[in-house]
Amino acid sequence: MTLPLRGLYLITDDRRSGPDALLAAVAAALRGGARVVQYRDKGTDTARRLAEAQALAGLCRAHQVPLLINDDVELAISVGADGVHLGRDDADLPSARARLPAGSLIGVSCYNRLELARDAASRGADYIAFGSFFPSPTKPQAVRADPGLLRHARRELRLPTVAIGGISPENGAALVRAGADMLAVISAVFAAPDVTAAAQAFARCFDPAEETLP
């Protein structure tokens, strides 16, 4: 899938009531303008994970939005996902690239370290992710990142960049101005009383009026 990597980057919440609830919530977020979906589930129920990822793959294809799988290259291959997202303890990027179909997307978590982003770029990453920029209910102990990382990465690496961690519609626009191409969100969308409206609020962070770098 060759759509530009820009906008709301939705990460699924594994603290949910079941597969049907997951699919309904992601569909609502897609109606609100989510531009990338990452399936993240650290559970050990392989049959459930496969069924959920397959359902999400069909939903994302219908909306022409990339589906990425967190930390599981084989699952991504099994469901025909558009790629994977890799963290510090996940498969290394060259191995993932060798296993995935040509043209697959690979993103890499770089936390608060520009040197990790440089390394990921040199190894062929399609995008990089920094965070946590704000306190996060999902990962309360995560290292904190400074918005200056986004500016440096945009100027030096020229790769699409994801900001993650405690992001809301109120603080997200400043990260976009600093250089974030995507805002990765879990609870601020999934825990909202109206998921579609929450996604729409994040989409507005990418209004052209908000995009000029300081």
C-alpha atoms as a PDB file:
ATOM      1  CA  MET A   1       0.000   0.000   0.000  1.00  0.00           C
ATOM      2  CA  THR A   2       1.531   3.326  -1.073  1.00  0.00           C
ATOM      3  CA  LEU A   3      -0.615   5.841   0.796  1.00  0.00           C
ATOM      4  CA  PRO A   4       1.359   8.618   2.523  1.00  0.00           C
ATOM      5  CA  LEU A   5       2.165   7.896   6.168  1.00  0.00           C
ATOM      6  CA  ARG A   6       0.485  10.880   7.757  1.00  0.00           C
ATOM      7  CA  GLY A   7      -2.300  11.332  10.264  1.00  0.00           C
ATOM      8  CA  LEU A   8      -3.752   9.378  13.171  1.00  0.00           C
ATOM      9  CA  TYR A   9      -1.844   6.136  13.804  1.00  0.00           C
ATOM     10  CA  LEU A  10      -4.210   3.914  15.768  1.00  0.00           C
ATOM     11  CA  ILE A  11      -2.795   1.207  18.041  1.00  0.00           C
ATOM     12  CA  THR A  12      -5.272  -1.391  19.245  1.00  0.00           C
ATOM     13  CA  ASP A  13      -6.038  -1.695  22.932  1.00  0.00           C
ATOM     14  CA  ASP A  14      -5.739  -5.241  24.269  1.00  0.00           C
ATOM     15  CA  ARG A  15      -7.728  -4.291  27.388  1.00  0.00           C
ATOM     16  CA  ARG A  16     -11.068  -4.783  25.681  1.00  0.00           C
ATOM     17  CA  SER A  17     -14.178  -6.907  26.046  1.00  0.00           C
ATOM     18  CA  GLY A  18     -13.696  -9.186  23.031  1.00  0.00           C
ATOM     19  CA  PRO A  19     -12.993  -9.458  19.284  1.00  0.00           C
ATOM     20  CA  ASP A  20     -16.325  -7.946  18.248  1.00  0.00           C
ATOM     21  CA  ALA A  21     -15.694  -4.899  20.426  1.00  0.00           C
ATOM     22  CA  LEU A  22     -12.214  -4.524  18.933  1.00  0.00           C
ATOM     23  CA  LEU A  23     -13.481  -4.610  15.365  1.00  0.00           C
ATOM     24  CA  ALA A  24     -16.331  -2.195  16.102  1.00  0.00           C
ATOM     25  CA  ALA A  25     -13.989   0.278  17.793  1.00  0.00           C
ATOM     26  CA  VAL A  26     -11.429   0.187  14.985  1.00  0.00           C
ATOM     27  CA  ALA A  27     -14.192   0.621  12.404  1.00  0.00           C
ATOM     28  CA  ALA A  28     -15.442   3.667  14.300  1.00  0.00           C
ATOM     29  CA  ALA A  29     -11.930   5.138  14.387  1.00  0.00           C
ATOM     30  CA  LEU A  30     -11.498   4.544  10.659  1.00  0.00           C
ATOM     31  CA  ARG A  31     -14.744   6.416  10.041  1.00  0.00           C
ATOM     32  CA  GLY A  32     -13.224   9.249  12.035  1.00  0.00           C
ATOM     33  CA  GLY A  33     -10.124   9.407   9.865  1.00  0.00           C
ATOM     34  CA  ALA A  34      -7.517   7.004  11.290  1.00  0.00           C
ATOM     35  CA  ARG A  35      -4.832   6.560   8.615  1.00  0.00           C
ATOM     36  CA  VAL A  36      -2.798   3.618   9.954  1.00  0.00           C
ATOM     37  CA  VAL A  37      -3.811   0.733  12.240  1.00  0.00           C
ATOM     38  CA  GLN A  38      -1.347  -1.285  14.301  1.00  0.00           C
ATOM     39  CA  TYR A  39      -2.576  -4.534  15.833  1.00  0.00           C
ATOM     40  CA  ARG A  40      -0.830  -4.839  19.188  1.00  0.00           C
ATOM     41  CA  ASP A  41      -1.580  -7.825  21.384  1.00  0.00           C
ATOM     42  CA  LYS A  42       0.978  -9.420  23.686  1.00  0.00           C
ATOM     43  CA  GLY A  43      -1.329 -12.296  24.647  1.00  0.00           C
ATOM     44  CA  THR A  44      -0.579 -15.973  24.103  1.00  0.00           C
ATOM     45  CA  ASP A  45      -3.896 -17.049  22.554  1.00  0.00           C
ATOM     46  CA  THR A  46      -2.610 -17.603  19.023  1.00  0.00           C
ATOM     47  CA  ALA A  47      -5.992 -18.625  17.601  1.00  0.00           C
ATOM     48  CA  ARG A  48      -7.672 -15.468  18.874  1.00  0.00           C
ATOM     49  CA  ARG A  49      -4.826 -13.270  17.696  1.00  0.00           C
ATOM     50  CA  LEU A  50      -4.980 -14.822  14.233  1.00  0.00           C
ATOM     51  CA  ALA A  51      -8.750 -14.369  14.010  1.00  0.00           C
ATOM     52  CA  GLU A  52      -8.554 -10.747  15.162  1.00  0.00           C
ATOM     53  CA  ALA A  53      -5.705  -9.895  12.818  1.00  0.00           C
ATOM     54  CA  GLN A  54      -7.533 -11.489   9.877  1.00  0.00           C
ATOM     55  CA  ALA A  55     -10.678  -9.500  10.641  1.00  0.00           C
ATOM     56  CA  LEU A  56      -8.685  -6.283  10.958  1.00  0.00           C
ATOM     57  CA  ALA A  57      -6.866  -6.981   7.694  1.00  0.00           C
ATOM     58  CA  GLY A  58     -10.181  -7.193   5.855  1.00  0.00           C
ATOM     59  CA  LEU A  59     -11.510  -4.073   7.555  1.00  0.00           C
ATOM     60  CA  CYS A  60      -8.376  -2.055   6.779  1.00  0.00           C
ATOM     61  CA  ARG A  61      -8.364  -3.183   3.152  1.00  0.00           C
ATOM     62  CA  ALA A  62     -11.961  -2.023   2.813  1.00  0.00           C
ATOM     63  CA  HIS A  63     -10.919   1.411   4.101  1.00  0.00           C
ATOM     64  CA  GLN A  64      -7.647   1.414   2.110  1.00  0.00           C
ATOM     65  CA  VAL A  65      -5.656   1.925   5.299  1.00  0.00           C
ATOM     66  CA  PRO A  66      -2.425   0.021   6.113  1.00  0.00           C
ATOM     67  CA  LEU A  67      -2.548  -2.640   8.819  1.00  0.00           C
ATOM     68  CA  LEU A  68       0.703  -3.236  10.689  1.00  0.00           C
ATOM     69  CA  ILE A  69       1.342  -6.010  13.201  1.00  0.00           C
ATOM     70  CA  ASN A  70       3.303  -5.321  16.356  1.00  0.00           C
ATOM     71  CA  ASP A  71       6.236  -7.636  16.953  1.00  0.00           C
ATOM     72  CA  ASP A  72       5.030 -10.636  14.934  1.00  0.00           C
ATOM     73  CA  VAL A  73       6.382 -11.063  11.425  1.00  0.00           C
ATOM     74  CA  GLU A  74       4.792 -14.482  10.958  1.00  0.00           C
ATOM     75  CA  LEU A  75       1.346 -13.221  11.926  1.00  0.00           C
ATOM     76  CA  ALA A  76       1.737 -10.328   9.508  1.00  0.00           C
ATOM     77  CA  ILE A  77       2.563 -12.766   6.719  1.00  0.00           C
ATOM     78  CA  SER A  78      -0.320 -15.076   7.655  1.00  0.00           C
ATOM     79  CA  VAL A  79      -2.995 -12.373   7.406  1.00  0.00           C
ATOM     80  CA  GLY A  80      -1.509 -10.397   4.521  1.00  0.00           C
ATOM     81  CA  ALA A  81      -0.843  -7.320   6.643  1.00  0.00           C
ATOM     82  CA  ASP A  82       0.975  -4.366   5.150  1.00  0.00           C
ATOM     83  CA  GLY A  83       3.942  -4.663   7.478  1.00  0.00           C
ATOM     84  CA  VAL A  84       5.187  -4.759  11.053  1.00  0.00           C
ATOM     85  CA  HIS A  85       6.265  -2.491  13.862  1.00  0.00           C
ATOM     86  CA  LEU A  86       9.395  -3.517  15.760  1.00  0.00           C
ATOM     87  CA  GLY A  87      10.557  -2.561  19.244  1.00  0.00           C
ATOM     88  CA  ARG A  88      13.768  -2.948  21.179  1.00  0.00           C
ATOM     89  CA  ASP A  89      13.264  -6.636  21.955  1.00  0.00           C
ATOM     90  CA  ASP A  90      11.584  -7.682  18.706  1.00  0.00           C
ATOM     91  CA  ALA A  91      12.944  -9.250  15.515  1.00  0.00           C
ATOM     92  CA  ASP A  92      15.786  -7.317  13.905  1.00  0.00           C
ATOM     93  CA  LEU A  93      14.926  -5.240  10.875  1.00  0.00           C
ATOM     94  CA  PRO A  94      16.987  -7.084   8.208  1.00  0.00           C
ATOM     95  CA  SER A  95      15.504 -10.433   9.273  1.00  0.00           C
ATOM     96  CA  ALA A  96      11.998  -9.025   9.166  1.00  0.00           C
ATOM     97  CA  ARG A  97      12.627  -7.514   5.730  1.00  0.00           C
ATOM     98  CA  ALA A  98      13.898 -10.838   4.433  1.00  0.00           C
ATOM     99  CA  ARG A  99      10.759 -12.662   5.599  1.00  0.00           C
ATOM    100  CA  LEU A 100       8.117 -10.119   4.579  1.00  0.00           C
ATOM    101  CA  PRO A 101       6.810  -9.646   1.028  1.00  0.00           C
ATOM    102  CA  ALA A 102       8.436  -6.960  -1.086  1.00  0.00           C
ATOM    103  CA  GLY A 103       7.051  -3.522  -0.390  1.00  0.00           C
ATOM    104  CA  SER A 104       6.037  -4.251   3.205  1.00  0.00           C
ATOM    105  CA  LEU A 105       6.250  -1.415   5.704  1.00  0.00           C
ATOM    106  CA  ILE A 106       8.559  -1.697   8.688  1.00  0.00           C
ATOM    107  CA  GLY A 107       8.506   0.805  11.527  1.00  0.00           C
ATOM    108  CA  VAL A 108      10.927   0.910  14.442  1.00  0.00           C
ATOM    109  CA  SER A 109      10.547   2.249  17.985  1.00  0.00           C
ATOM    110  CA  CYS A 110      13.421   4.598  18.785  1.00  0.00           C
ATOM    111  CA  TYR A 111      12.214   5.767  22.224  1.00  0.00           C
ATOM    112  CA  ASN A 112      14.121   8.968  23.079  1.00  0.00           C
ATOM    113  CA  ARG A 113      17.306   8.234  21.127  1.00  0.00           C
ATOM    114  CA  LEU A 114      18.193   9.825  17.821  1.00  0.00           C
ATOM    115  CA  GLU A 115      21.044   7.327  17.338  1.00  0.00           C
ATOM    116  CA  LEU A 116      18.512   4.486  17.227  1.00  0.00           C
ATOM    117  CA  ALA A 117      16.617   6.377  14.538  1.00  0.00           C
ATOM    118  CA  ARG A 118      19.806   6.849  12.525  1.00  0.00           C
ATOM    119  CA  ASP A 119      20.506   3.133  12.768  1.00  0.00           C
ATOM    120  CA  ALA A 120      16.939   2.231  11.786  1.00  0.00           C
ATOM    121  CA  ALA A 121      17.135   4.564   8.794  1.00  0.00           C
ATOM    122  CA  SER A 122      20.441   3.054   7.675  1.00  0.00           C
ATOM    123  CA  ARG A 123      18.879  -0.429   7.860  1.00  0.00           C
ATOM    124  CA  GLY A 124      15.953   0.533   5.672  1.00  0.00           C
ATOM    125  CA  ALA A 125      13.126   1.396   8.072  1.00  0.00           C
ATOM    126  CA  ASP A 126      10.079   2.944   6.432  1.00  0.00           C
ATOM    127  CA  TYR A 127       9.270   5.085   9.473  1.00  0.00           C
ATOM    128  CA  ILE A 128      10.570   5.721  12.981  1.00  0.00           C
ATOM    129  CA  ALA A 129       8.732   6.293  16.257  1.00  0.00           C
ATOM    130  CA  PHE A 130       9.712   8.402  19.275  1.00  0.00           C
ATOM    131  CA  GLY A 131       8.123   8.601  22.695  1.00  0.00           C
ATOM    132  CA  SER A 132       6.765   8.800  25.287  1.00  0.00           C
ATOM    133  CA  PHE A 133       6.200  12.539  24.897  1.00  0.00           C
ATOM    134  CA  PHE A 134       3.710  12.757  27.763  1.00  0.00           C
ATOM    135  CA  PRO A 135       2.738  10.469  30.669  1.00  0.00           C
ATOM    136  CA  SER A 136       1.046   7.409  29.196  1.00  0.00           C
ATOM    137  CA  PRO A 137      -1.585   5.228  30.900  1.00  0.00           C
ATOM    138  CA  THR A 138      -0.523   2.329  28.663  1.00  0.00           C
ATOM    139  CA  LYS A 139       3.194   2.516  29.519  1.00  0.00           C
ATOM    140  CA  PRO A 140       3.535   4.641  32.679  1.00  0.00           C
ATOM    141  CA  GLN A 141       7.234   3.777  33.084  1.00  0.00           C
ATOM    142  CA  ALA A 142       8.222   4.648  29.503  1.00  0.00           C
ATOM    143  CA  VAL A 143      11.196   6.948  28.949  1.00  0.00           C
ATOM    144  CA  ARG A 144      10.307  10.530  28.078  1.00  0.00           C
ATOM    145  CA  ALA A 145      11.142  12.054  24.707  1.00  0.00           C
ATOM    146  CA  ASP A 146      11.623  15.703  23.829  1.00  0.00           C
ATOM    147  CA  PRO A 147       9.890  17.336  20.828  1.00  0.00           C
ATOM    148  CA  GLY A 148      13.316  18.447  19.648  1.00  0.00           C
ATOM    149  CA  LEU A 149      13.874  14.855  18.517  1.00  0.00           C
ATOM    150  CA  LEU A 150      11.131  15.306  15.938  1.00  0.00           C
ATOM    151  CA  ARG A 151      12.785  18.416  14.531  1.00  0.00           C
ATOM    152  CA  HIS A 152      16.194  16.760  14.300  1.00  0.00           C
ATOM    153  CA  ALA A 153      14.799  13.604  12.739  1.00  0.00           C
ATOM    154  CA  ARG A 154      12.820  15.496  10.097  1.00  0.00           C
ATOM    155  CA  ARG A 155      15.813  17.600   9.071  1.00  0.00           C
ATOM    156  CA  GLU A 156      18.416  14.843   9.167  1.00  0.00           C
ATOM    157  CA  LEU A 157      16.669  11.580   8.280  1.00  0.00           C
ATOM    158  CA  ARG A 158      13.685  12.617   6.178  1.00  0.00           C
ATOM    159  CA  LEU A 159      11.687   9.552   7.175  1.00  0.00           C
ATOM    160  CA  PRO A 160       8.062   9.634   8.303  1.00  0.00           C
ATOM    161  CA  THR A 161       8.071  10.019  12.074  1.00  0.00           C
ATOM    162  CA  VAL A 162       5.561   8.829  14.662  1.00  0.00           C
ATOM    163  CA  ALA A 163       5.050  10.489  18.043  1.00  0.00           C
ATOM    164  CA  ILE A 164       3.614   8.321  20.813  1.00  0.00           C
ATOM    165  CA  GLY A 165       2.832   8.500  24.500  1.00  0.00           C
ATOM    166  CA  GLY A 166       0.047  10.340  26.299  1.00  0.00           C
ATOM    167  CA  ILE A 167      -0.993  12.239  23.176  1.00  0.00           C
ATOM    168  CA  SER A 168      -4.320  14.062  23.078  1.00  0.00           C
ATOM    169  CA  PRO A 169      -5.960  16.366  20.531  1.00  0.00           C
ATOM    170  CA  GLU A 170      -4.934  19.247  22.797  1.00  0.00           C
ATOM    171  CA  ASN A 171      -1.192  18.478  22.810  1.00  0.00           C
ATOM    172  CA  GLY A 172      -0.909  16.655  19.494  1.00  0.00           C
ATOM    173  CA  ALA A 173      -0.911  19.657  17.167  1.00  0.00           C
ATOM    174  CA  ALA A 174       2.312  20.972  18.737  1.00  0.00           C
ATOM    175  CA  LEU A 175       4.019  17.647  17.998  1.00  0.00           C
ATOM    176  CA  VAL A 176       2.847  17.844  14.383  1.00  0.00           C
ATOM    177  CA  ARG A 177       4.331  21.341  14.148  1.00  0.00           C
ATOM    178  CA  ALA A 178       7.567  19.979  15.622  1.00  0.00           C
ATOM    179  CA  GLY A 179       7.815  17.369  12.873  1.00  0.00           C
ATOM    180  CA  ALA A 180       5.577  14.389  13.669  1.00  0.00           C
ATOM    181  CA  ASP A 181       3.962  12.912  10.568  1.00  0.00           C
ATOM    182  CA  MET A 182       1.756  10.614  12.637  1.00  0.00           C
ATOM    183  CA  LEU A 183       0.315  10.654  16.146  1.00  0.00           C
ATOM    184  CA  ALA A 184       0.095   7.186  17.690  1.00  0.00           C
ATOM    185  CA  VAL A 185      -2.804   6.813  20.085  1.00  0.00           C
ATOM    186  CA  ILE A 186      -4.443   4.054  22.104  1.00  0.00           C
ATOM    187  CA  SER A 187      -6.537   5.107  25.093  1.00  0.00           C
ATOM    188  CA  ALA A 188      -7.334   8.646  23.933  1.00  0.00           C
ATOM    189  CA  VAL A 189      -9.361   7.062  21.137  1.00  0.00           C
ATOM    190  CA  PHE A 190     -10.473   3.696  22.512  1.00  0.00           C
ATOM    191  CA  ALA A 191     -11.448   5.025  25.933  1.00  0.00           C
ATOM    192  CA  ALA A 192     -13.401   7.937  24.479  1.00  0.00           C
ATOM    193  CA  PRO A 193     -17.200   7.848  24.759  1.00  0.00           C
ATOM    194  CA  ASP A 194     -17.409   8.525  21.001  1.00  0.00           C
ATOM    195  CA  VAL A 195     -14.536   6.819  19.175  1.00  0.00           C
ATOM    196  CA  THR A 196     -15.334   8.384  15.810  1.00  0.00           C
ATOM    197  CA  ALA A 197     -15.409  11.887  17.263  1.00  0.00           C
ATOM    198  CA  ALA A 198     -12.131  11.254  19.077  1.00  0.00           C
ATOM    199  CA  ALA A 199     -10.470  10.160  15.836  1.00  0.00           C
ATOM    200  CA  GLN A 200     -11.842  13.232  14.079  1.00  0.00           C
ATOM    201  CA  ALA A 201     -10.338  15.453  16.780  1.00  0.00           C
ATOM    202  CA  PHE A 202      -6.913  13.928  16.144  1.00  0.00           C
ATOM    203  CA  ALA A 203      -7.338  14.292  12.387  1.00  0.00           C
ATOM    204  CA  ARG A 204      -7.763  18.034  12.920  1.00  0.00           C
ATOM    205  CA  CYS A 205      -4.240  18.178  14.377  1.00  0.00           C
ATOM    206  CA  PHE A 206      -3.058  17.719  10.797  1.00  0.00           C
ATOM    207  CA  ASP A 207      -4.980  20.692   9.428  1.00  0.00           C
ATOM    208  CA  PRO A 208      -2.690  22.613   7.031  1.00  0.00           C
ATOM    209  CA  ALA A 209      -2.903  25.622   9.340  1.00  0.00           C
ATOM    210  CA  GLU A 210      -1.147  23.563  12.032  1.00  0.00           C
ATOM    211  CA  GLU A 211       1.672  22.195   9.929  1.00  0.00           C
ATOM    212  CA  THR A 212       4.210  25.055   9.750  1.00  0.00           C
ATOM    213  CA  LEU A 213       7.344  24.281  11.716  1.00  0.00           C
ATOM    214  CA  PRO A 214       8.328  26.871  14.344  1.00  0.00           C
END
